[in-house]
Amino acid sequence: MRIFLLGAAVGYVFGAKAGRARYDQIVRTYRKVADHPMVQGAAGVVRAKVGEKVGDKVPLLRGSGSDGHRSESRVTRG
């Protein structure tokens, strides 16, 4: 996860230095990769395995909101 965040930060900095057009290109590429069915499937598997290990102790990120930001929700088991 740290590598992903570092990559996102580096991409943001380079995008900002290259101008808005380059930044938009980086964002489009990220969204294209993040929305790919194989990536979504892998994320679902990882989310399920993490859920099995930690239960309801950690909030999980679920889907994207209408504004493009991910929303957090807690999973409760009862």
N, C-alpha and C. Protein backbone atom coordinates (compact mmCIF):
# COMPACT_ATOMS: atom_id res chain seq x y z
N MET A 1 0.82 -1.18 0.00
CA MET A 1 0.00 0.00 0.00
C MET A 1 0.87 1.26 0.00
N ARG A 2 1.99 1.19 0.71
CA ARG A 2 2.88 2.35 0.75
C ARG A 2 3.42 2.68 -0.63
N ILE A 3 3.74 1.64 -1.39
CA ILE A 3 4.27 1.85 -2.73
C ILE A 3 3.22 2.54 -3.60
N PHE A 4 1.97 2.12 -3.47
CA PHE A 4 0.89 2.74 -4.24
C PHE A 4 0.76 4.22 -3.89
N LEU A 5 0.76 4.52 -2.59
CA LEU A 5 0.63 5.91 -2.16
C LEU A 5 1.82 6.74 -2.62
N LEU A 6 3.01 6.17 -2.55
CA LEU A 6 4.19 6.87 -3.03
C LEU A 6 4.08 7.13 -4.53
N GLY A 7 3.64 6.14 -5.27
CA GLY A 7 3.45 6.31 -6.72
C GLY A 7 2.42 7.37 -7.04
N ALA A 8 1.32 7.38 -6.28
CA ALA A 8 0.29 8.40 -6.49
C ALA A 8 0.83 9.79 -6.20
N ALA A 9 1.61 9.92 -5.13
CA ALA A 9 2.19 11.22 -4.78
C ALA A 9 3.18 11.69 -5.84
N VAL A 10 4.03 10.79 -6.30
CA VAL A 10 5.00 11.14 -7.35
C VAL A 10 4.26 11.53 -8.63
N GLY A 11 3.24 10.76 -8.97
CA GLY A 11 2.44 11.08 -10.16
C GLY A 11 1.78 12.44 -10.05
N TYR A 12 1.30 12.75 -8.88
CA TYR A 12 0.67 14.06 -8.67
C TYR A 12 1.69 15.18 -8.86
N VAL A 13 2.86 15.03 -8.26
CA VAL A 13 3.88 16.08 -8.37
C VAL A 13 4.30 16.27 -9.82
N PHE A 14 4.62 15.17 -10.50
CA PHE A 14 5.02 15.29 -11.90
C PHE A 14 3.88 15.84 -12.75
N GLY A 15 2.67 15.42 -12.45
CA GLY A 15 1.52 15.94 -13.19
C GLY A 15 1.34 17.43 -12.99
N ALA A 16 1.53 17.88 -11.76
CA ALA A 16 1.40 19.30 -11.47
C ALA A 16 2.49 20.11 -12.17
N LYS A 17 3.71 19.57 -12.20
CA LYS A 17 4.81 20.27 -12.86
C LYS A 17 4.62 20.29 -14.37
N ALA A 18 4.03 19.25 -14.92
CA ALA A 18 3.84 19.16 -16.36
C ALA A 18 2.61 19.93 -16.83
N GLY A 19 1.80 20.37 -15.90
CA GLY A 19 0.61 21.12 -16.26
C GLY A 19 -0.65 20.29 -16.11
N ARG A 20 -1.76 20.96 -16.23
CA ARG A 20 -3.06 20.33 -16.02
C ARG A 20 -3.33 19.20 -17.02
N ALA A 21 -2.92 19.37 -18.27
CA ALA A 21 -3.17 18.35 -19.28
C ALA A 21 -2.50 17.03 -18.91
N ARG A 22 -1.26 17.10 -18.46
CA ARG A 22 -0.54 15.89 -18.06
C ARG A 22 -1.17 15.27 -16.82
N TYR A 23 -1.56 16.12 -15.88
CA TYR A 23 -2.22 15.63 -14.67
C TYR A 23 -3.51 14.89 -15.04
N ASP A 24 -4.30 15.47 -15.92
CA ASP A 24 -5.54 14.82 -16.35
C ASP A 24 -5.26 13.49 -17.03
N GLN A 25 -4.17 13.42 -17.80
CA GLN A 25 -3.80 12.18 -18.46
C GLN A 25 -3.45 11.11 -17.42
N ILE A 26 -2.72 11.49 -16.40
CA ILE A 26 -2.35 10.55 -15.34
C ILE A 26 -3.59 10.05 -14.62
N VAL A 27 -4.51 10.95 -14.32
CA VAL A 27 -5.74 10.57 -13.62
C VAL A 27 -6.56 9.62 -14.49
N ARG A 28 -6.68 9.91 -15.78
CA ARG A 28 -7.44 9.02 -16.68
C ARG A 28 -6.81 7.62 -16.71
N THR A 29 -5.50 7.57 -16.77
CA THR A 29 -4.81 6.27 -16.80
C THR A 29 -5.05 5.51 -15.50
N TYR A 30 -4.93 6.21 -14.37
CA TYR A 30 -5.19 5.58 -13.07
C TYR A 30 -6.61 5.02 -13.01
N ARG A 31 -7.57 5.81 -13.41
CA ARG A 31 -8.98 5.35 -13.35
C ARG A 31 -9.22 4.18 -14.28
N LYS A 32 -8.58 4.22 -15.45
CA LYS A 32 -8.74 3.12 -16.41
C LYS A 32 -8.21 1.82 -15.80
N VAL A 33 -7.06 1.89 -15.15
CA VAL A 33 -6.48 0.70 -14.51
C VAL A 33 -7.33 0.28 -13.31
N ALA A 34 -7.70 1.25 -12.45
CA ALA A 34 -8.44 0.93 -11.23
C ALA A 34 -9.82 0.36 -11.54
N ASP A 35 -10.42 0.75 -12.66
CA ASP A 35 -11.75 0.27 -13.01
C ASP A 35 -11.74 -1.00 -13.85
N HIS A 36 -10.55 -1.51 -14.19
CA HIS A 36 -10.45 -2.72 -15.00
C HIS A 36 -11.04 -3.89 -14.22
N PRO A 37 -11.82 -4.75 -14.87
CA PRO A 37 -12.45 -5.87 -14.17
C PRO A 37 -11.48 -6.79 -13.44
N MET A 38 -10.29 -7.02 -13.99
CA MET A 38 -9.33 -7.89 -13.30
C MET A 38 -8.84 -7.23 -12.01
N VAL A 39 -8.62 -5.93 -12.04
CA VAL A 39 -8.18 -5.21 -10.85
C VAL A 39 -9.29 -5.22 -9.81
N GLN A 40 -10.52 -4.99 -10.25
CA GLN A 40 -11.65 -5.01 -9.33
C GLN A 40 -11.83 -6.39 -8.70
N GLY A 41 -11.65 -7.43 -9.51
CA GLY A 41 -11.75 -8.80 -8.99
C GLY A 41 -10.68 -9.09 -7.95
N ALA A 42 -9.45 -8.69 -8.25
CA ALA A 42 -8.36 -8.91 -7.31
C ALA A 42 -8.60 -8.13 -6.02
N ALA A 43 -9.09 -6.91 -6.15
CA ALA A 43 -9.38 -6.10 -4.96
C ALA A 43 -10.47 -6.76 -4.12
N GLY A 44 -11.46 -7.34 -4.77
CA GLY A 44 -12.52 -8.03 -4.04
C GLY A 44 -11.99 -9.23 -3.27
N VAL A 45 -11.10 -9.98 -3.90
CA VAL A 45 -10.51 -11.14 -3.23
C VAL A 45 -9.70 -10.69 -2.02
N VAL A 46 -8.88 -9.66 -2.21
CA VAL A 46 -8.06 -9.15 -1.11
C VAL A 46 -8.95 -8.64 0.01
N ARG A 47 -10.00 -7.89 -0.35
CA ARG A 47 -10.93 -7.34 0.65
C ARG A 47 -11.57 -8.47 1.45
N ALA A 48 -11.96 -9.55 0.77
CA ALA A 48 -12.59 -10.68 1.46
C ALA A 48 -11.60 -11.36 2.40
N LYS A 49 -10.37 -11.57 1.94
CA LYS A 49 -9.38 -12.24 2.78
C LYS A 49 -9.01 -11.38 3.99
N VAL A 50 -8.88 -10.08 3.79
CA VAL A 50 -8.61 -9.19 4.92
C VAL A 50 -9.78 -9.21 5.89
N GLY A 51 -11.00 -9.22 5.37
CA GLY A 51 -12.19 -9.28 6.21
C GLY A 51 -12.23 -10.53 7.05
N GLU A 52 -11.80 -11.65 6.47
CA GLU A 52 -11.75 -12.91 7.23
C GLU A 52 -10.74 -12.82 8.38
N LYS A 53 -9.62 -12.17 8.13
CA LYS A 53 -8.55 -12.11 9.12
C LYS A 53 -8.83 -11.13 10.25
N VAL A 54 -9.40 -9.95 9.93
CA VAL A 54 -9.55 -8.92 10.95
C VAL A 54 -10.98 -8.70 11.41
N GLY A 55 -11.93 -9.30 10.75
CA GLY A 55 -13.32 -9.14 11.16
C GLY A 55 -13.81 -7.72 11.00
N ASP A 56 -14.49 -7.20 12.01
CA ASP A 56 -15.06 -5.85 11.91
C ASP A 56 -14.20 -4.80 12.60
N LYS A 57 -12.93 -5.09 12.82
CA LYS A 57 -12.05 -4.17 13.53
C LYS A 57 -11.53 -3.03 12.66
N VAL A 58 -11.53 -3.20 11.35
CA VAL A 58 -10.94 -2.22 10.45
C VAL A 58 -11.99 -1.76 9.45
N PRO A 59 -12.12 -0.44 9.23
CA PRO A 59 -13.07 0.02 8.21
C PRO A 59 -12.57 -0.37 6.83
N LEU A 60 -13.48 -0.80 5.97
CA LEU A 60 -13.12 -1.18 4.60
C LEU A 60 -13.59 -0.11 3.64
N LEU A 61 -12.81 0.11 2.59
CA LEU A 61 -13.22 1.05 1.56
C LEU A 61 -14.19 0.35 0.63
N ARG A 62 -15.28 1.00 0.34
CA ARG A 62 -16.30 0.42 -0.51
C ARG A 62 -16.60 1.34 -1.67
N GLY A 63 -16.47 0.86 -2.89
CA GLY A 63 -16.91 1.56 -4.09
C GLY A 63 -16.55 3.03 -4.16
N SER A 64 -17.02 3.69 -5.19
CA SER A 64 -16.80 5.12 -5.36
C SER A 64 -18.12 5.84 -5.21
N GLY A 65 -18.07 6.98 -4.57
CA GLY A 65 -19.25 7.82 -4.47
C GLY A 65 -19.48 8.55 -5.78
N SER A 66 -20.55 9.31 -5.87
CA SER A 66 -20.86 10.02 -7.10
C SER A 66 -19.83 11.10 -7.40
N ASP A 67 -19.07 11.53 -6.38
CA ASP A 67 -18.06 12.56 -6.60
C ASP A 67 -16.70 11.96 -6.93
N GLY A 68 -16.62 10.64 -7.07
CA GLY A 68 -15.37 9.99 -7.44
C GLY A 68 -14.50 9.63 -6.25
N HIS A 69 -14.89 10.03 -5.05
CA HIS A 69 -14.12 9.70 -3.86
C HIS A 69 -14.67 8.44 -3.24
N ARG A 70 -13.79 7.68 -2.68
CA ARG A 70 -14.23 6.45 -2.04
C ARG A 70 -14.82 6.77 -0.67
N SER A 71 -15.84 6.03 -0.29
CA SER A 71 -16.47 6.25 1.00
C SER A 71 -16.11 5.09 1.92
N GLU A 72 -15.97 5.39 3.20
CA GLU A 72 -15.65 4.35 4.17
C GLU A 72 -16.92 3.89 4.85
N SER A 73 -16.98 2.61 5.11
CA SER A 73 -18.09 2.07 5.89
C SER A 73 -17.55 0.93 6.73
N ARG A 74 -18.11 0.78 7.90
CA ARG A 74 -17.69 -0.32 8.77
C ARG A 74 -18.56 -1.53 8.49
N VAL A 75 -17.92 -2.66 8.55
CA VAL A 75 -18.63 -3.92 8.37
C VAL A 75 -18.88 -4.47 9.76
N THR A 76 -20.11 -4.77 10.05
CA THR A 76 -20.43 -5.36 11.35
C THR A 76 -20.95 -6.77 11.14
N ARG A 77 -20.57 -7.61 12.02
CA ARG A 77 -21.03 -9.00 11.95
C ARG A 77 -21.89 -9.26 13.19
N GLY A 78 -23.01 -9.90 12.95
CA GLY A 78 -23.87 -10.06 14.10
C GLY A 78 -24.61 -11.29 14.18
